[in-house]
Each structure stands twice: as C-alpha cells, then as structure tokens.
C-alpha atoms as a PDB file:
ATOM      1  CA  MET A   1       0.000   0.000   0.000  1.00  0.00           C
ATOM      2  CA  LYS A   2       1.108   3.561  -0.728  1.00  0.00           C
ATOM      3  CA  LEU A   3       0.131   6.998   0.530  1.00  0.00           C
ATOM      4  CA  ILE A   4       0.009   9.649  -2.180  1.00  0.00           C
ATOM      5  CA  LEU A   5       0.347  13.246  -0.988  1.00  0.00           C
ATOM      6  CA  ALA A   6      -0.674  15.624  -3.781  1.00  0.00           C
ATOM      7  CA  VAL A   7      -0.181  19.362  -3.224  1.00  0.00           C
ATOM      8  CA  VAL A   8      -2.583  21.053  -5.630  1.00  0.00           C
ATOM      9  CA  GLN A   9      -3.511  24.665  -6.357  1.00  0.00           C
ATOM     10  CA  ASP A  10      -6.976  25.532  -5.011  1.00  0.00           C
ATOM     11  CA  LYS A  11      -8.237  26.244  -8.560  1.00  0.00           C
ATOM     12  CA  ASP A  12      -7.675  22.582  -9.511  1.00  0.00           C
ATOM     13  CA  VAL A  13      -8.723  20.750  -6.366  1.00  0.00           C
ATOM     14  CA  ASN A  14     -12.485  20.392  -6.965  1.00  0.00           C
ATOM     15  CA  ARG A  15     -11.993  19.007 -10.472  1.00  0.00           C
ATOM     16  CA  LEU A  16      -9.304  16.637  -9.174  1.00  0.00           C
ATOM     17  CA  GLN A  17     -11.379  15.402  -6.258  1.00  0.00           C
ATOM     18  CA  ASP A  18     -14.321  14.724  -8.587  1.00  0.00           C
ATOM     19  CA  ALA A  19     -12.086  12.768 -10.981  1.00  0.00           C
ATOM     20  CA  LEU A  20     -10.497  10.777  -8.155  1.00  0.00           C
ATOM     21  CA  SER A  21     -13.944   9.959  -6.762  1.00  0.00           C
ATOM     22  CA  GLU A  22     -15.157   8.838 -10.216  1.00  0.00           C
ATOM     23  CA  ASN A  23     -12.186   6.442 -10.282  1.00  0.00           C
ATOM     24  CA  GLU A  24     -13.076   5.202  -6.769  1.00  0.00           C
ATOM     25  CA  PHE A  25     -10.094   6.787  -4.998  1.00  0.00           C
ATOM     26  CA  LYS A  26     -10.913   8.116  -1.543  1.00  0.00           C
ATOM     27  CA  THR A  27      -9.227  11.336  -0.452  1.00  0.00           C
ATOM     28  CA  THR A  28      -8.650  13.357   2.685  1.00  0.00           C
ATOM     29  CA  LYS A  29      -8.378  17.089   2.031  1.00  0.00           C
ATOM     30  CA  LEU A  30      -5.996  19.298   4.029  1.00  0.00           C
ATOM     31  CA  ALA A  31      -5.774  23.087   3.650  1.00  0.00           C
ATOM     32  CA  SER A  32      -2.209  24.288   3.154  1.00  0.00           C
ATOM     33  CA  SER A  33      -0.333  27.269   1.745  1.00  0.00           C
ATOM     34  CA  GLY A  34       2.691  27.662  -0.475  1.00  0.00           C
ATOM     35  CA  GLY A  35       5.955  29.263   0.538  1.00  0.00           C
ATOM     36  CA  PHE A  36       6.889  31.394  -2.479  1.00  0.00           C
ATOM     37  CA  LEU A  37       3.516  32.834  -3.545  1.00  0.00           C
ATOM     38  CA  LYS A  38       1.939  32.406  -0.101  1.00  0.00           C
ATOM     39  CA  GLU A  39      -1.309  31.399  -1.822  1.00  0.00           C
ATOM     40  CA  GLY A  40      -3.723  28.771  -0.654  1.00  0.00           C
ATOM     41  CA  ASN A  41      -3.406  25.278  -1.945  1.00  0.00           C
ATOM     42  CA  THR A  42      -4.738  21.919  -0.905  1.00  0.00           C
ATOM     43  CA  THR A  43      -2.930  18.745   0.041  1.00  0.00           C
ATOM     44  CA  LEU A  44      -4.827  15.572  -0.766  1.00  0.00           C
ATOM     45  CA  MET A  45      -3.970  12.352   1.046  1.00  0.00           C
ATOM     46  CA  ILE A  46      -4.842   9.317  -1.071  1.00  0.00           C
ATOM     47  CA  GLY A  47      -4.303   5.772   0.172  1.00  0.00           C
ATOM     48  CA  VAL A  48      -3.972   3.268  -2.688  1.00  0.00           C
ATOM     49  CA  ASP A  49      -2.935  -0.325  -3.203  1.00  0.00           C
ATOM     50  CA  ASP A  50       0.372  -0.667  -5.042  1.00  0.00           C
ATOM     51  CA  GLU A  51      -1.223  -1.778  -8.314  1.00  0.00           C
ATOM     52  CA  TYR A  52      -3.340   1.429  -8.520  1.00  0.00           C
ATOM     53  CA  VAL A  53      -0.575   4.003  -7.957  1.00  0.00           C
ATOM     54  CA  ASP A  54      -0.009   4.630 -11.690  1.00  0.00           C
ATOM     55  CA  GLN A  55      -3.752   5.053 -12.287  1.00  0.00           C
ATOM     56  CA  ALA A  56      -4.041   7.576  -9.442  1.00  0.00           C
ATOM     57  CA  LEU A  57      -1.018   9.511 -10.743  1.00  0.00           C
ATOM     58  CA  GLU A  58      -2.585   9.628 -14.209  1.00  0.00           C
ATOM     59  CA  VAL A  59      -5.811  11.089 -12.783  1.00  0.00           C
ATOM     60  CA  ILE A  60      -3.784  13.722 -10.924  1.00  0.00           C
ATOM     61  CA  ARG A  61      -1.730  14.554 -14.038  1.00  0.00           C
ATOM     62  CA  ASP A  62      -4.859  14.883 -16.204  1.00  0.00           C
ATOM     63  CA  ASN A  63      -6.661  17.231 -13.796  1.00  0.00           C
ATOM     64  CA  CYS A  64      -3.980  19.618 -12.552  1.00  0.00           C
ATOM     65  CA  SER A  65      -3.010  22.127 -15.207  1.00  0.00           C
ATOM     66  CA  GLN A  66      -0.004  24.424 -15.170  1.00  0.00           C
ATOM     67  CA  ARG A  67      -0.514  28.067 -16.134  1.00  0.00           C
ATOM     68  CA  GLU A  68       1.320  31.355 -15.961  1.00  0.00           C
ATOM     69  CA  GLN A  69       0.367  34.047 -13.448  1.00  0.00           C
ATOM     70  CA  MET A  70       1.633  37.570 -12.856  1.00  0.00           C
ATOM     71  CA  VAL A  71       2.946  38.082  -9.321  1.00  0.00           C
ATOM     72  CA  ALA A  72       2.829  41.601  -7.892  1.00  0.00           C
ATOM     73  CA  PRO A  73       5.785  43.031  -5.965  1.00  0.00           C
ATOM     74  CA  ILE A  74       6.045  41.933  -2.357  1.00  0.00           C
ATOM     75  CA  SER A  75       7.141  44.739  -0.051  1.00  0.00           C
ATOM     76  CA  PRO A  76      10.188  44.053   2.139  1.00  0.00           C
ATOM     77  CA  MET A  77       8.598  46.156   4.924  1.00  0.00           C
ATOM     78  CA  GLY A  78       8.880  44.088   8.070  1.00  0.00           C
ATOM     79  CA  GLY A  79      10.182  41.150   6.097  1.00  0.00           C
ATOM     80  CA  ASN A  80      13.344  39.831   4.563  1.00  0.00           C
ATOM     81  CA  ALA A  81      14.640  42.077   1.749  1.00  0.00           C
ATOM     82  CA  ASP A  82      16.354  39.051   0.156  1.00  0.00           C
ATOM     83  CA  SER A  83      12.989  37.856  -1.203  1.00  0.00           C
ATOM     84  CA  TYR A  84      11.840  41.263  -2.483  1.00  0.00           C
ATOM     85  CA  ILE A  85      10.521  41.221  -6.053  1.00  0.00           C
ATOM     86  CA  PRO A  86      10.890  44.802  -7.441  1.00  0.00           C
ATOM     87  CA  LYS A  87       8.378  44.491 -10.328  1.00  0.00           C
ATOM     88  CA  PRO A  88       5.618  42.101 -11.413  1.00  0.00           C
ATOM     89  CA  VAL A  89       6.956  38.858 -12.808  1.00  0.00           C
ATOM     90  CA  LYS A  90       5.334  35.988 -14.644  1.00  0.00           C
ATOM     91  CA  VAL A  91       5.599  32.647 -12.826  1.00  0.00           C
ATOM     92  CA  GLU A  92       4.342  29.166 -13.610  1.00  0.00           C
ATOM     93  CA  VAL A  93       1.697  27.962 -11.160  1.00  0.00           C
ATOM     94  CA  GLY A  94      -0.621  25.012 -10.935  1.00  0.00           C
ATOM     95  CA  GLY A  95       0.088  21.425 -11.663  1.00  0.00           C
ATOM     96  CA  ALA A  96       0.677  19.198  -8.684  1.00  0.00           C
ATOM     97  CA  THR A  97       3.574  18.284  -6.455  1.00  0.00           C
ATOM     98  CA  VAL A  98       3.166  14.610  -5.613  1.00  0.00           C
ATOM     99  CA  PHE A  99       4.879  12.379  -3.067  1.00  0.00           C
ATOM    100  CA  VAL A 100       4.358   8.602  -3.042  1.00  0.00           C
ATOM    101  CA  LEU A 101       5.193   7.079   0.331  1.00  0.00           C
ATOM    102  CA  PRO A 102       5.216   3.458   1.495  1.00  0.00           C
ATOM    103  CA  VAL A 103       2.626   2.567   4.137  1.00  0.00           C
ATOM    104  CA  GLU A 104       3.767   0.138   6.794  1.00  0.00           C
ATOM    105  CA  ALA A 105       0.299  -0.338   8.282  1.00  0.00           C
ATOM    106  CA  PHE A 106      -3.245   0.877   7.686  1.00  0.00           C
ATOM    107  CA  HIS A 107      -6.044   0.722  10.259  1.00  0.00           C
ATOM    108  CA  HIS A 108      -9.660   1.788   9.793  1.00  0.00           C
ATOM    109  CA  PHE A 109     -11.646   1.915  13.047  1.00  0.00           C
END
C-alpha cells in the first residue's frame, strides 16, 4: 500500500477530487499554503494499493493544469529584503507536487 500526498492549487482541487472519486479513490483534504507565492493550496492524502498508484497519478496529471500568473511586488517592509521582487513577474503555477510514500500499516476503526 502507498500513501500519495498531492499538493494542488486551489483552482484545480475540486476538479481533481471529482475525478479521483469517479475512479473510486478516496481522499482526505488538508488546507495548506505555499511558501513562495503564499497562496492557498490543498494537500490531498490518497491511500492506494500498489497496483493502482499509476492510475491515481494519471488522474492527478490529467486534472492539474499548469498556467502562468503575474505576481505583484512583495514589499520588504517588516520582512526579509532578500525575497523582495521589485516588479511584477510571470511565474508558472498550478500542476501538482506529488509524493508517493510506502505505508507500513493501515487501520480503519
């Protein structure tokens, strides 16, 4: 058994959860936020048997799109000037960051 942790942008999470549900994958949804853009995202925990890992990854890949987004300057006031962005920049957002972890034991009470 494996535990898939998929960190997904909030704009993609409803579509992804619907697709995972249609493919009979159960998910647990955790609110999270990113470090660079400090925007909301969602981490989905998906427990799957080993033989279904590739299918789950395909569903994630098909439902999490990457896109470009303009990021406004972040003021260094009260923060670290090392991360100051002086003018709007275009960054790639979306997609999914996915971790597949081995599960030593699973209990459902």
